[in-house]
N, C-alpha and C. Protein backbone atom coordinates (compact mmCIF):
# COMPACT_ATOMS: atom_id res chain seq x y z
N GLN A 1 69.76 -93.45 -67.07
CA GLN A 1 69.17 -94.50 -66.91
C GLN A 1 67.92 -94.88 -67.53
N PHE A 2 67.89 -96.22 -68.11
CA PHE A 2 66.41 -96.43 -68.59
C PHE A 2 66.11 -98.03 -68.16
N HIS A 3 64.77 -98.29 -68.26
CA HIS A 3 64.29 -99.73 -67.87
C HIS A 3 63.46 -99.72 -69.23
N PHE A 4 63.38 -100.93 -70.14
CA PHE A 4 62.17 -101.08 -70.94
C PHE A 4 61.52 -102.30 -70.76
N TYR A 5 60.14 -102.02 -71.03
CA TYR A 5 59.39 -103.12 -70.77
C TYR A 5 58.63 -103.06 -72.12
N LYS A 6 58.32 -104.63 -72.72
CA LYS A 6 57.38 -104.59 -74.03
C LYS A 6 56.50 -105.55 -73.73
N ALA A 7 55.64 -105.18 -74.42
CA ALA A 7 54.18 -105.66 -74.55
C ALA A 7 53.78 -105.82 -75.79
N SER A 8 53.38 -107.40 -76.09
CA SER A 8 52.63 -107.61 -77.54
C SER A 8 51.19 -108.13 -77.36
N PHE A 9 50.35 -107.41 -78.22
CA PHE A 9 48.95 -107.61 -78.16
C PHE A 9 48.59 -108.24 -79.65
N LYS A 10 47.45 -109.15 -79.17
CA LYS A 10 47.31 -110.04 -80.79
C LYS A 10 45.95 -109.48 -81.10
N GLU A 11 45.17 -108.33 -80.43
CA GLU A 11 44.04 -107.75 -80.51
C GLU A 11 43.88 -106.52 -80.20
N LYS A 12 43.00 -105.62 -80.52
CA LYS A 12 42.75 -104.45 -80.00
C LYS A 12 42.11 -104.48 -78.46
N GLY A 13 42.01 -103.33 -78.08
CA GLY A 13 41.90 -102.87 -76.64
C GLY A 13 42.09 -101.79 -75.95
N LYS A 14 42.19 -101.83 -74.69
CA LYS A 14 42.36 -100.76 -74.08
C LYS A 14 43.66 -101.20 -72.95
N LEU A 15 44.49 -100.52 -72.49
CA LEU A 15 45.72 -100.94 -71.87
C LEU A 15 45.84 -99.95 -70.80
N THR A 16 45.56 -100.22 -69.41
CA THR A 16 45.78 -99.33 -68.25
C THR A 16 47.08 -99.57 -67.58
N ILE A 17 47.83 -98.49 -67.45
CA ILE A 17 49.19 -98.70 -67.13
C ILE A 17 49.34 -97.83 -65.73
N THR A 18 49.64 -98.72 -64.62
CA THR A 18 49.69 -97.82 -63.30
C THR A 18 51.23 -97.61 -63.05
N PHE A 19 51.75 -96.50 -62.61
CA PHE A 19 53.06 -96.15 -62.50
C PHE A 19 53.10 -95.46 -61.07
N LYS A 20 53.99 -95.88 -60.11
CA LYS A 20 53.95 -95.28 -58.75
C LYS A 20 55.38 -95.60 -58.40
N VAL A 21 55.90 -94.41 -58.06
CA VAL A 21 57.54 -94.04 -57.53
C VAL A 21 57.35 -94.64 -56.11
N LEU A 22 58.13 -95.48 -55.56
CA LEU A 22 57.86 -95.88 -54.13
C LEU A 22 58.56 -95.15 -52.97
N GLN A 23 59.57 -94.68 -53.30
CA GLN A 23 60.55 -93.93 -52.43
C GLN A 23 60.93 -92.48 -53.19
N PRO A 24 61.19 -91.35 -52.48
CA PRO A 24 61.40 -90.33 -53.05
C PRO A 24 62.71 -90.54 -53.91
N PRO A 25 62.79 -90.30 -55.47
CA PRO A 25 64.12 -90.48 -55.80
C PRO A 25 65.14 -89.56 -55.63
N ARG A 26 66.44 -90.07 -55.97
CA ARG A 26 67.48 -89.14 -55.63
C ARG A 26 68.03 -88.22 -57.03
N GLY A 27 67.78 -87.09 -56.95
CA GLY A 27 68.05 -86.18 -58.20
C GLY A 27 66.77 -85.73 -58.79
N SER A 28 66.65 -85.81 -60.22
CA SER A 28 65.67 -85.56 -60.98
C SER A 28 64.36 -86.52 -60.79
N LYS A 29 63.21 -86.09 -61.12
CA LYS A 29 61.99 -86.93 -60.93
C LYS A 29 62.16 -88.37 -61.85
N VAL A 30 61.98 -89.48 -61.46
CA VAL A 30 62.11 -90.85 -62.19
C VAL A 30 60.28 -90.78 -62.83
N ALA A 31 60.30 -91.02 -64.21
CA ALA A 31 59.13 -91.03 -64.96
C ALA A 31 58.95 -92.10 -65.94
N ALA A 32 57.75 -92.10 -66.56
CA ALA A 32 57.44 -93.77 -67.30
C ALA A 32 56.80 -92.97 -68.59
N TYR A 33 56.79 -93.53 -69.73
CA TYR A 33 56.58 -93.23 -70.91
C TYR A 33 55.95 -94.53 -71.76
N PHE A 34 54.85 -94.14 -72.31
CA PHE A 34 54.20 -95.41 -73.07
C PHE A 34 54.73 -95.07 -74.63
N MET A 35 55.29 -96.00 -75.41
CA MET A 35 55.90 -95.66 -76.61
C MET A 35 55.25 -96.96 -77.93
N LYS A 36 54.84 -96.38 -78.67
CA LYS A 36 54.34 -97.08 -79.78
C LYS A 36 55.52 -97.86 -80.91
N THR A 37 56.76 -97.09 -80.83
CA THR A 37 57.82 -97.70 -81.32
C THR A 37 58.91 -97.81 -80.32
N PRO A 38 60.25 -98.55 -80.67
CA PRO A 38 61.09 -98.55 -79.60
C PRO A 38 61.83 -97.37 -79.28
N ASP A 39 61.90 -96.38 -80.67
CA ASP A 39 62.70 -94.98 -80.75
C ASP A 39 61.80 -93.95 -80.46
N ASP A 40 60.59 -94.53 -80.27
CA ASP A 40 59.39 -93.13 -80.14
C ASP A 40 59.77 -92.31 -79.03
N GLU A 41 59.67 -90.97 -78.67
CA GLU A 41 59.59 -90.34 -77.66
C GLU A 41 58.79 -90.46 -76.52
N GLY A 42 57.61 -91.26 -76.99
CA GLY A 42 56.64 -91.79 -75.78
C GLY A 42 55.64 -90.72 -75.15
N ASP A 43 54.52 -90.75 -74.84
CA ASP A 43 53.66 -90.32 -73.94
C ASP A 43 54.08 -90.50 -72.67
N ARG A 44 54.01 -89.20 -71.74
CA ARG A 44 54.61 -89.56 -70.39
C ARG A 44 53.00 -90.08 -69.65
N ILE A 45 53.36 -90.98 -68.88
CA ILE A 45 52.36 -91.61 -67.72
C ILE A 45 51.98 -90.73 -66.79
N SER A 46 51.33 -89.64 -66.85
CA SER A 46 51.33 -88.54 -65.47
C SER A 46 50.27 -88.99 -64.62
N GLY A 47 50.16 -88.47 -63.53
CA GLY A 47 49.38 -89.11 -62.15
C GLY A 47 49.67 -90.65 -61.97
N THR A 48 49.01 -91.22 -61.47
CA THR A 48 49.42 -92.81 -61.08
C THR A 48 48.82 -93.68 -62.12
N SER A 49 47.88 -93.38 -63.00
CA SER A 49 47.49 -94.42 -64.16
C SER A 49 46.87 -93.60 -65.14
N VAL A 50 47.12 -94.44 -66.30
CA VAL A 50 46.57 -93.68 -67.57
C VAL A 50 46.12 -95.15 -68.32
N THR A 51 45.27 -94.63 -69.35
CA THR A 51 44.46 -96.07 -70.35
C THR A 51 45.00 -95.44 -71.43
N LYS A 52 45.51 -96.30 -72.38
CA LYS A 52 45.82 -96.20 -73.56
C LYS A 52 45.22 -97.26 -74.53
N GLU A 53 44.82 -96.58 -75.75
CA GLU A 53 43.85 -97.23 -76.89
C GLU A 53 45.03 -98.11 -77.83
N ILE A 54 44.50 -99.46 -77.52
CA ILE A 54 45.36 -100.14 -78.45
C ILE A 54 44.56 -100.68 -79.76
N ASP A 55 44.60 -99.72 -80.68
CA ASP A 55 43.96 -99.80 -81.83
C ASP A 55 44.32 -100.69 -83.03
N GLN A 56 45.65 -101.22 -83.00
CA GLN A 56 46.09 -102.34 -83.87
C GLN A 56 46.98 -103.31 -83.05
N PRO A 57 46.89 -104.59 -83.63
CA PRO A 57 47.72 -105.54 -82.68
C PRO A 57 49.21 -105.28 -83.11
N GLY A 58 49.94 -105.95 -82.32
CA GLY A 58 51.39 -105.49 -82.22
C GLY A 58 51.97 -105.18 -81.01
N ASP A 59 53.52 -104.67 -81.35
CA ASP A 59 54.16 -104.60 -79.84
C ASP A 59 54.22 -102.90 -79.45
N PHE A 60 54.41 -102.63 -78.31
CA PHE A 60 54.38 -101.55 -77.60
C PHE A 60 55.45 -101.58 -76.26
N TRP A 61 55.91 -100.52 -76.11
CA TRP A 61 56.78 -100.27 -74.89
C TRP A 61 56.46 -99.46 -73.92
N ILE A 62 56.92 -99.67 -72.80
CA ILE A 62 56.93 -98.71 -71.53
C ILE A 62 58.42 -98.20 -71.17
N ARG A 63 58.83 -97.23 -71.27
CA ARG A 63 60.21 -96.73 -71.16
C ARG A 63 60.04 -96.01 -69.69
N VAL A 64 61.08 -96.56 -68.60
CA VAL A 64 61.09 -95.66 -67.16
C VAL A 64 62.64 -95.22 -67.09
N GLN A 65 62.62 -93.89 -66.81
CA GLN A 65 63.81 -93.45 -66.84
C GLN A 65 64.34 -92.35 -65.80
N ALA A 66 65.27 -92.36 -65.22
CA ALA A 66 65.79 -91.19 -64.18
C ALA A 66 66.67 -90.29 -65.18
N PRO A 67 66.28 -89.11 -65.72
CA PRO A 67 66.70 -88.19 -66.84
C PRO A 67 68.40 -87.92 -66.47
N GLU A 68 68.90 -87.77 -65.46
CA GLU A 68 70.24 -87.50 -65.31
C GLU A 68 71.13 -88.21 -64.54
N SER A 69 72.46 -88.20 -64.98
CA SER A 69 73.22 -89.15 -64.72
C SER A 69 73.53 -89.34 -62.86
N GLY A 70 73.62 -90.42 -62.43
CA GLY A 70 73.36 -90.72 -60.98
C GLY A 70 72.19 -90.44 -60.29
N ASP A 71 70.97 -90.30 -61.02
CA ASP A 71 69.67 -90.33 -60.55
C ASP A 71 69.04 -91.61 -60.22
N TYR A 72 68.29 -91.97 -59.41
CA TYR A 72 67.72 -93.53 -59.40
C TYR A 72 66.67 -93.30 -58.44
N GLY A 73 65.89 -94.33 -58.10
CA GLY A 73 64.79 -94.21 -57.33
C GLY A 73 63.82 -95.82 -57.53
N LYS A 74 62.98 -96.12 -56.59
CA LYS A 74 62.42 -97.26 -56.88
C LYS A 74 61.14 -97.00 -57.12
N TYR A 75 60.51 -97.88 -58.07
CA TYR A 75 59.14 -97.71 -58.42
C TYR A 75 58.49 -99.07 -58.95
N ALA A 76 57.17 -99.11 -59.00
CA ALA A 76 56.39 -100.21 -59.34
C ALA A 76 55.36 -100.10 -60.55
N ILE A 77 55.27 -100.84 -61.45
CA ILE A 77 54.47 -100.59 -62.63
C ILE A 77 53.70 -101.90 -62.76
N ALA A 78 52.47 -101.49 -63.05
CA ALA A 78 51.39 -102.96 -63.41
C ALA A 78 50.66 -102.46 -64.46
N THR A 79 50.11 -103.24 -65.17
CA THR A 79 49.63 -103.28 -66.53
C THR A 79 48.16 -104.53 -66.60
N ILE A 80 47.14 -103.59 -67.00
CA ILE A 80 46.01 -104.41 -67.11
C ILE A 80 45.63 -104.37 -68.69
N PHE A 81 45.34 -105.32 -69.66
CA PHE A 81 44.78 -105.45 -70.89
C PHE A 81 43.42 -105.60 -70.85
N GLN A 82 42.75 -104.92 -71.59
CA GLN A 82 41.19 -105.05 -71.68
C GLN A 82 40.73 -105.34 -73.08
N PRO A 83 40.69 -106.58 -73.75
CA PRO A 83 40.29 -106.70 -74.89
C PRO A 83 39.01 -105.93 -75.40
N SER A 84 39.22 -105.58 -76.77
CA SER A 84 37.75 -104.85 -77.17
C SER A 84 36.54 -106.20 -77.64
N ASN A 85 37.00 -107.25 -77.75
CA ASN A 85 36.11 -108.16 -78.08
C ASN A 85 36.25 -109.20 -77.05
N PHE A 86 35.10 -109.33 -76.14
CA PHE A 86 35.33 -109.92 -74.77
C PHE A 86 33.99 -110.93 -74.62
N ILE A 87 33.77 -111.65 -73.82
CA ILE A 87 32.85 -112.40 -73.12
C ILE A 87 32.37 -111.89 -71.84
N PRO A 88 31.31 -111.20 -71.58
CA PRO A 88 31.23 -111.07 -70.50
C PRO A 88 30.84 -111.76 -69.46
N ALA A 89 30.94 -111.60 -68.23
CA ALA A 89 30.59 -112.56 -67.14
C ALA A 89 30.59 -111.88 -65.89
N ASP A 90 29.72 -112.46 -64.94
CA ASP A 90 29.47 -111.94 -63.64
C ASP A 90 30.33 -112.96 -62.55
N VAL A 91 30.55 -112.26 -61.57
CA VAL A 91 31.38 -113.24 -60.46
C VAL A 91 30.18 -113.60 -59.58
N VAL A 92 30.18 -115.02 -59.49
CA VAL A 92 29.12 -115.67 -58.66
C VAL A 92 29.49 -116.30 -57.55
N GLU A 93 30.97 -116.44 -57.48
CA GLU A 93 31.54 -116.97 -56.07
C GLU A 93 32.92 -116.60 -56.13
N ILE A 94 33.31 -116.46 -54.97
CA ILE A 94 34.99 -116.01 -54.82
C ILE A 94 35.26 -116.84 -53.60
N GLY A 95 36.27 -117.72 -54.20
CA GLY A 95 37.30 -118.43 -53.41
C GLY A 95 38.13 -117.93 -52.83
N ARG A 96 38.75 -118.25 -52.02
CA ARG A 96 39.72 -117.40 -51.18
C ARG A 96 41.08 -118.06 -50.97
N SER A 97 40.98 -119.62 -50.78
CA SER A 97 42.48 -120.04 -50.70
C SER A 97 42.37 -121.52 -51.80
N PRO A 98 42.91 -121.54 -52.69
CA PRO A 98 43.49 -120.30 -53.24
C PRO A 98 42.32 -119.34 -54.17
N CYS A 99 42.86 -118.18 -54.32
CA CYS A 99 42.08 -116.98 -55.09
C CYS A 99 41.54 -117.61 -56.33
N LEU A 100 40.30 -118.12 -56.46
CA LEU A 100 39.55 -118.62 -57.86
C LEU A 100 38.39 -118.04 -57.58
N LEU A 101 37.87 -117.26 -58.89
CA LEU A 101 36.46 -116.61 -59.06
C LEU A 101 35.88 -117.43 -59.94
N THR A 102 34.59 -117.86 -59.40
CA THR A 102 33.48 -118.75 -60.44
C THR A 102 32.81 -117.56 -61.05
N VAL A 103 32.81 -117.62 -62.45
CA VAL A 103 32.09 -116.72 -63.16
C VAL A 103 31.01 -117.26 -64.15
N SER A 104 29.86 -116.58 -64.45
CA SER A 104 28.94 -116.86 -65.31
C SER A 104 29.26 -117.08 -66.63
N ALA A 105 30.02 -117.67 -67.27
CA ALA A 105 30.52 -117.84 -68.67
C ALA A 105 31.11 -119.12 -68.73
N GLY A 106 30.88 -120.09 -69.66
CA GLY A 106 31.87 -121.21 -69.77
C GLY A 106 31.58 -121.64 -71.32
N THR A 107 32.03 -122.94 -71.66
CA THR A 107 32.43 -123.23 -72.90
C THR A 107 31.15 -123.04 -73.62
N ASN A 108 30.11 -123.28 -73.06
CA ASN A 108 28.57 -123.03 -74.00
C ASN A 108 28.94 -121.23 -74.59
N GLN A 109 29.50 -120.54 -73.87
CA GLN A 109 29.86 -119.62 -74.65
C GLN A 109 31.13 -119.01 -75.10
N GLY A 110 31.93 -120.01 -75.25
CA GLY A 110 33.16 -119.90 -76.08
C GLY A 110 34.37 -119.73 -75.28
N VAL A 111 34.18 -120.10 -74.04
CA VAL A 111 35.30 -119.86 -72.98
C VAL A 111 36.07 -121.38 -72.97
N ARG A 112 37.39 -120.78 -72.90
CA ARG A 112 38.50 -122.21 -72.88
C ARG A 112 39.48 -121.73 -71.83
N PRO A 113 40.04 -122.82 -71.37
CA PRO A 113 41.42 -122.78 -70.21
C PRO A 113 42.29 -121.80 -70.99
N GLY A 114 42.96 -120.96 -70.03
CA GLY A 114 44.12 -120.47 -70.57
C GLY A 114 43.85 -119.16 -71.26
N LEU A 115 42.34 -118.69 -71.46
CA LEU A 115 42.13 -117.34 -72.05
C LEU A 115 42.51 -116.33 -70.79
N GLY A 116 42.97 -114.90 -71.34
CA GLY A 116 43.22 -113.81 -70.60
C GLY A 116 41.97 -113.30 -70.23
N CYS A 117 41.92 -112.83 -69.19
CA CYS A 117 40.82 -112.09 -68.90
C CYS A 117 40.87 -110.87 -67.94
N THR A 118 40.03 -109.85 -67.50
CA THR A 118 40.06 -108.82 -66.72
C THR A 118 39.22 -108.68 -65.75
N VAL A 119 39.24 -108.50 -64.57
CA VAL A 119 38.49 -108.31 -63.37
C VAL A 119 38.02 -106.59 -63.50
N MET A 120 36.86 -106.62 -63.50
CA MET A 120 36.30 -105.23 -63.59
C MET A 120 35.39 -105.16 -62.05
N SER A 121 35.37 -103.72 -61.77
CA SER A 121 34.66 -103.42 -60.52
C SER A 121 33.06 -103.35 -61.13
N ALA A 122 32.11 -103.23 -60.36
CA ALA A 122 30.67 -103.19 -60.71
C ALA A 122 30.59 -101.75 -61.64
N SER A 123 31.36 -100.71 -61.23
CA SER A 123 31.54 -99.45 -62.19
C SER A 123 32.01 -99.51 -63.65
N GLY A 124 32.51 -100.55 -63.92
CA GLY A 124 33.69 -100.79 -65.00
C GLY A 124 34.87 -100.41 -65.02
N GLN A 125 35.41 -100.23 -63.98
CA GLN A 125 36.90 -100.00 -64.00
C GLN A 125 37.80 -101.31 -63.74
N ALA A 126 38.65 -101.20 -64.66
CA ALA A 126 39.62 -102.25 -64.52
C ALA A 126 40.45 -102.47 -63.04
N MET A 127 40.28 -103.78 -62.28
CA MET A 127 40.95 -104.20 -61.20
C MET A 127 42.12 -105.00 -61.27
N ASP A 128 42.00 -105.93 -62.18
CA ASP A 128 43.09 -106.85 -62.08
C ASP A 128 43.09 -107.65 -63.33
N SER A 129 44.00 -108.04 -63.97
CA SER A 129 44.33 -109.41 -64.85
C SER A 129 43.94 -110.37 -64.27
N CYS A 130 43.58 -111.53 -65.03
CA CYS A 130 43.26 -112.90 -64.68
C CYS A 130 43.67 -114.10 -66.03
N VAL A 131 43.32 -115.24 -65.50
CA VAL A 131 43.35 -116.25 -66.56
C VAL A 131 42.50 -117.14 -66.44
N VAL A 132 41.87 -117.89 -67.58
CA VAL A 132 40.90 -118.83 -67.17
C VAL A 132 41.50 -119.87 -67.07
N ASP A 133 41.05 -120.71 -65.60
CA ASP A 133 41.44 -122.05 -65.01
C ASP A 133 40.83 -123.14 -65.65
N GLN A 134 39.78 -123.19 -65.18
CA GLN A 134 38.72 -124.56 -65.42
C GLN A 134 37.60 -123.91 -66.24
N THR A 135 37.02 -124.57 -66.97
CA THR A 135 35.76 -124.40 -67.53
C THR A 135 34.75 -125.44 -67.70
N PHE A 136 33.69 -125.15 -67.52
CA PHE A 136 32.14 -126.12 -67.28
C PHE A 136 31.37 -125.69 -68.52
N PRO A 137 30.11 -125.93 -68.74
CA PRO A 137 29.19 -125.63 -69.58
C PRO A 137 28.84 -124.33 -69.35
N ASN A 138 28.42 -123.75 -68.41
CA ASN A 138 28.16 -122.48 -68.17
C ASN A 138 28.82 -121.76 -66.98
N LEU A 139 29.67 -122.33 -66.52
CA LEU A 139 30.27 -121.52 -65.49
C LEU A 139 32.03 -121.69 -65.76
N SER A 140 33.07 -120.74 -65.18
CA SER A 140 34.25 -121.06 -65.44
C SER A 140 34.89 -120.62 -64.04
N LYS A 141 36.25 -120.87 -63.88
CA LYS A 141 36.96 -120.72 -62.66
C LYS A 141 38.00 -119.68 -63.29
N VAL A 142 38.37 -118.72 -62.78
CA VAL A 142 39.35 -117.89 -63.21
C VAL A 142 40.41 -117.43 -61.96
N LYS A 143 41.63 -117.29 -62.49
CA LYS A 143 42.68 -116.83 -61.50
C LYS A 143 43.03 -115.70 -61.44
N PRO A 144 42.76 -114.58 -60.51
CA PRO A 144 43.46 -113.22 -60.51
C PRO A 144 44.77 -113.16 -60.43
N ALA A 145 45.61 -112.06 -61.28
CA ALA A 145 46.92 -112.37 -61.03
C ALA A 145 47.21 -111.80 -59.31
N ASN A 146 46.46 -110.97 -58.86
CA ASN A 146 46.63 -110.31 -57.29
C ASN A 146 46.12 -111.65 -56.60
N ALA A 147 47.08 -112.25 -56.01
CA ALA A 147 46.66 -113.34 -54.72
C ALA A 147 45.95 -112.79 -53.87
N ARG A 148 46.05 -111.61 -53.28
CA ARG A 148 45.23 -111.24 -51.97
C ARG A 148 43.74 -111.38 -52.22
N CYS A 149 43.06 -111.37 -53.65
CA CYS A 149 41.78 -111.90 -53.77
C CYS A 149 40.54 -110.71 -53.32
N ASN A 150 41.31 -109.33 -53.54
CA ASN A 150 40.39 -108.45 -53.08
C ASN A 150 39.32 -108.02 -54.20
N VAL A 151 38.45 -108.72 -54.29
CA VAL A 151 37.44 -108.89 -55.31
C VAL A 151 36.00 -108.61 -54.83
N ALA A 152 35.59 -107.78 -55.17
CA ALA A 152 33.93 -107.24 -54.51
C ALA A 152 33.10 -108.40 -54.94
N PRO A 153 31.93 -108.97 -54.17
CA PRO A 153 31.15 -109.86 -54.64
C PRO A 153 30.14 -109.41 -56.09
N ASN A 154 30.25 -107.94 -56.03
CA ASN A 154 29.08 -107.70 -57.49
C ASN A 154 30.20 -107.34 -58.60
N ALA A 155 31.42 -107.91 -58.79
CA ALA A 155 32.36 -107.81 -59.76
C ALA A 155 32.02 -108.10 -60.82
N LYS A 156 32.77 -108.07 -62.22
CA LYS A 156 32.27 -108.45 -63.64
C LYS A 156 33.88 -108.91 -63.71
N VAL A 157 33.64 -109.95 -64.83
CA VAL A 157 35.03 -110.30 -65.65
C VAL A 157 34.88 -110.19 -67.06
N GLN A 158 35.77 -109.38 -67.83
CA GLN A 158 35.67 -109.81 -69.26
C GLN A 158 36.72 -110.62 -69.71
N ILE A 159 36.17 -111.57 -70.33
CA ILE A 159 37.12 -112.96 -70.91
C ILE A 159 37.21 -112.57 -72.45
N SER A 160 38.62 -112.71 -72.71
CA SER A 160 39.20 -112.58 -74.15
C SER A 160 38.42 -113.52 -75.02
N ALA A 161 37.86 -112.98 -76.31
CA ALA A 161 37.20 -113.83 -76.75
C ALA A 161 37.98 -114.57 -78.21
N GLN A 162 39.24 -114.59 -77.96
CA GLN A 162 40.21 -115.02 -78.85
C GLN A 162 40.76 -116.17 -78.46
């Protein structure tokens, strides 16, 4: 059995893929693979997380498979894309209801509503994807994908410059 996921990227960057088997599968191990073409053998996603370099715009695939007939299992998969060309911003305020982050970049820095972004830890690790919701001259409100809003006060946000 196979499940395929397709991602289309308009720019270069890094794609972090998190794959976790939620319950012990029946039969052989359920596995995930990152593929550059739909019929590619793919690179196995080992461990719980892997980061792949997207060195050219285009389509990429993730294949989740249970190798033997009758095998199955429950899994969770999440992706975070970090563009190579981005506008850096610091998180200056965390609104919890709903979760909206106020960040230190706005229309004066080229930010506009609808741009994709990535919430980063203080150490530079991708934590969540987000989207720009509202913009002001030197501030923006961004909405993280994770509604639980577990964002540290010293987090950073990378906003796509496209």
